[in-house]
Amino acid sequence: MRHAPFVVDQAAHDAWLRNMRTAVDGLGLEPELERQLWDYLVYAAMSMVNTPG
């Protein structure tokens, strides 16, 4: 993956999700679509973590 050469820890995970939350909130999606997108983004954020802590 493209992020592999970079340290991605819990702090990076949390920061990315904060930014994604702002972006998703600005889309004005229907609740079900918003939930599906958010669930995917949470999954993606967890999968990018490659460093403990």
N, C-alpha and C. Protein backbone atom coordinates (compact mmCIF):
# COMPACT_ATOMS: atom_id res chain seq x y z
N MET A 1 0.84 -1.20 0.00
CA MET A 1 0.00 0.00 0.00
C MET A 1 0.88 1.25 0.00
N ARG A 2 0.32 2.30 -0.47
CA ARG A 2 1.08 3.54 -0.60
C ARG A 2 1.53 4.11 0.74
N HIS A 3 0.80 3.83 1.79
CA HIS A 3 1.16 4.39 3.10
C HIS A 3 2.22 3.56 3.82
N ALA A 4 2.58 2.40 3.29
CA ALA A 4 3.50 1.49 3.97
C ALA A 4 4.82 2.11 4.39
N PRO A 5 5.43 3.00 3.59
CA PRO A 5 6.72 3.56 4.04
C PRO A 5 6.59 4.57 5.18
N PHE A 6 5.38 4.92 5.57
CA PHE A 6 5.16 5.94 6.58
C PHE A 6 4.68 5.32 7.88
N VAL A 7 5.01 5.95 8.98
CA VAL A 7 4.51 5.52 10.28
C VAL A 7 3.06 5.97 10.39
N VAL A 8 2.17 5.01 10.57
CA VAL A 8 0.76 5.31 10.79
C VAL A 8 0.38 4.66 12.11
N ASP A 9 0.26 5.52 13.14
CA ASP A 9 -0.06 5.03 14.47
C ASP A 9 -1.48 5.45 14.85
N GLN A 10 -1.84 5.21 16.10
CA GLN A 10 -3.20 5.54 16.56
C GLN A 10 -3.48 7.03 16.44
N ALA A 11 -2.48 7.86 16.69
CA ALA A 11 -2.68 9.31 16.59
C ALA A 11 -2.99 9.70 15.14
N ALA A 12 -2.30 9.10 14.18
CA ALA A 12 -2.57 9.39 12.77
C ALA A 12 -3.96 8.88 12.38
N HIS A 13 -4.30 7.71 12.87
CA HIS A 13 -5.63 7.13 12.66
C HIS A 13 -6.71 8.10 13.14
N ASP A 14 -6.55 8.58 14.35
CA ASP A 14 -7.54 9.48 14.95
C ASP A 14 -7.63 10.80 14.19
N ALA A 15 -6.48 11.35 13.82
CA ALA A 15 -6.46 12.62 13.09
C ALA A 15 -7.15 12.48 11.73
N TRP A 16 -6.87 11.39 11.03
CA TRP A 16 -7.47 11.16 9.72
C TRP A 16 -8.99 11.04 9.85
N LEU A 17 -9.44 10.28 10.86
CA LEU A 17 -10.88 10.14 11.05
C LEU A 17 -11.55 11.46 11.43
N ARG A 18 -10.86 12.30 12.19
CA ARG A 18 -11.44 13.63 12.50
C ARG A 18 -11.66 14.42 11.22
N ASN A 19 -10.68 14.40 10.33
CA ASN A 19 -10.82 15.11 9.06
C ASN A 19 -11.91 14.49 8.19
N MET A 20 -11.98 13.18 8.17
CA MET A 20 -13.01 12.51 7.39
C MET A 20 -14.40 12.79 7.95
N ARG A 21 -14.51 12.90 9.29
CA ARG A 21 -15.81 13.20 9.91
C ARG A 21 -16.30 14.57 9.43
N THR A 22 -15.39 15.55 9.41
CA THR A 22 -15.75 16.89 8.92
C THR A 22 -16.21 16.83 7.47
N ALA A 23 -15.48 16.08 6.66
CA ALA A 23 -15.83 15.96 5.24
C ALA A 23 -17.18 15.28 5.06
N VAL A 24 -17.39 14.18 5.76
CA VAL A 24 -18.65 13.44 5.62
C VAL A 24 -19.82 14.28 6.11
N ASP A 25 -19.64 14.99 7.20
CA ASP A 25 -20.71 15.83 7.72
C ASP A 25 -21.11 16.91 6.71
N GLY A 26 -20.17 17.36 5.91
CA GLY A 26 -20.45 18.39 4.91
C GLY A 26 -21.15 17.88 3.66
N LEU A 27 -21.30 16.58 3.52
CA LEU A 27 -21.90 16.01 2.31
C LEU A 27 -23.42 16.04 2.33
N GLY A 28 -24.01 16.04 3.51
CA GLY A 28 -25.46 16.04 3.59
C GLY A 28 -26.09 14.76 3.07
N LEU A 29 -25.47 13.64 3.34
CA LEU A 29 -25.98 12.35 2.86
C LEU A 29 -27.20 11.90 3.67
N GLU A 30 -27.97 11.03 3.05
CA GLU A 30 -29.05 10.37 3.78
C GLU A 30 -28.41 9.52 4.87
N PRO A 31 -29.09 9.36 6.01
CA PRO A 31 -28.50 8.66 7.15
C PRO A 31 -27.92 7.27 6.82
N GLU A 32 -28.62 6.47 6.04
CA GLU A 32 -28.13 5.13 5.72
C GLU A 32 -26.85 5.20 4.89
N LEU A 33 -26.79 6.10 3.93
CA LEU A 33 -25.58 6.24 3.12
C LEU A 33 -24.43 6.79 3.95
N GLU A 34 -24.74 7.72 4.83
CA GLU A 34 -23.71 8.27 5.72
C GLU A 34 -23.13 7.17 6.61
N ARG A 35 -23.98 6.31 7.13
CA ARG A 35 -23.53 5.22 7.99
C ARG A 35 -22.65 4.25 7.23
N GLN A 36 -23.04 3.91 6.01
CA GLN A 36 -22.24 2.99 5.20
C GLN A 36 -20.87 3.58 4.90
N LEU A 37 -20.84 4.85 4.52
CA LEU A 37 -19.57 5.50 4.23
C LEU A 37 -18.71 5.57 5.48
N TRP A 38 -19.31 5.96 6.60
CA TRP A 38 -18.54 6.09 7.84
C TRP A 38 -17.99 4.73 8.29
N ASP A 39 -18.79 3.70 8.19
CA ASP A 39 -18.30 2.37 8.55
C ASP A 39 -17.09 1.99 7.71
N TYR A 40 -17.14 2.29 6.42
CA TYR A 40 -15.99 1.98 5.56
C TYR A 40 -14.76 2.80 5.96
N LEU A 41 -14.95 4.07 6.25
CA LEU A 41 -13.81 4.92 6.61
C LEU A 41 -13.18 4.47 7.92
N VAL A 42 -13.97 4.04 8.88
CA VAL A 42 -13.43 3.52 10.14
C VAL A 42 -12.61 2.25 9.85
N TYR A 43 -13.15 1.38 9.01
CA TYR A 43 -12.43 0.16 8.62
C TYR A 43 -11.11 0.52 7.92
N ALA A 44 -11.17 1.46 6.99
CA ALA A 44 -9.97 1.86 6.26
C ALA A 44 -8.93 2.45 7.19
N ALA A 45 -9.36 3.27 8.13
CA ALA A 45 -8.42 3.87 9.08
C ALA A 45 -7.72 2.80 9.90
N MET A 46 -8.48 1.80 10.35
CA MET A 46 -7.86 0.72 11.13
C MET A 46 -6.87 -0.07 10.29
N SER A 47 -7.18 -0.26 9.02
CA SER A 47 -6.31 -1.07 8.18
C SER A 47 -5.01 -0.35 7.82
N MET A 48 -4.97 0.95 7.95
CA MET A 48 -3.75 1.71 7.64
C MET A 48 -2.75 1.74 8.79
N VAL A 49 -3.20 1.47 9.99
CA VAL A 49 -2.29 1.51 11.16
C VAL A 49 -1.23 0.42 10.98
N ASN A 50 0.04 0.85 11.06
CA ASN A 50 1.14 -0.09 10.89
C ASN A 50 2.19 0.03 11.99
N THR A 51 1.89 0.83 13.01
CA THR A 51 2.82 1.04 14.12
C THR A 51 2.02 1.08 15.42
N PRO A 52 2.41 0.29 16.40
CA PRO A 52 1.68 0.34 17.68
C PRO A 52 1.88 1.69 18.38
N GLY A 53 0.90 2.05 19.17
CA GLY A 53 1.02 3.27 19.96
C GLY A 53 0.31 4.36 19.39
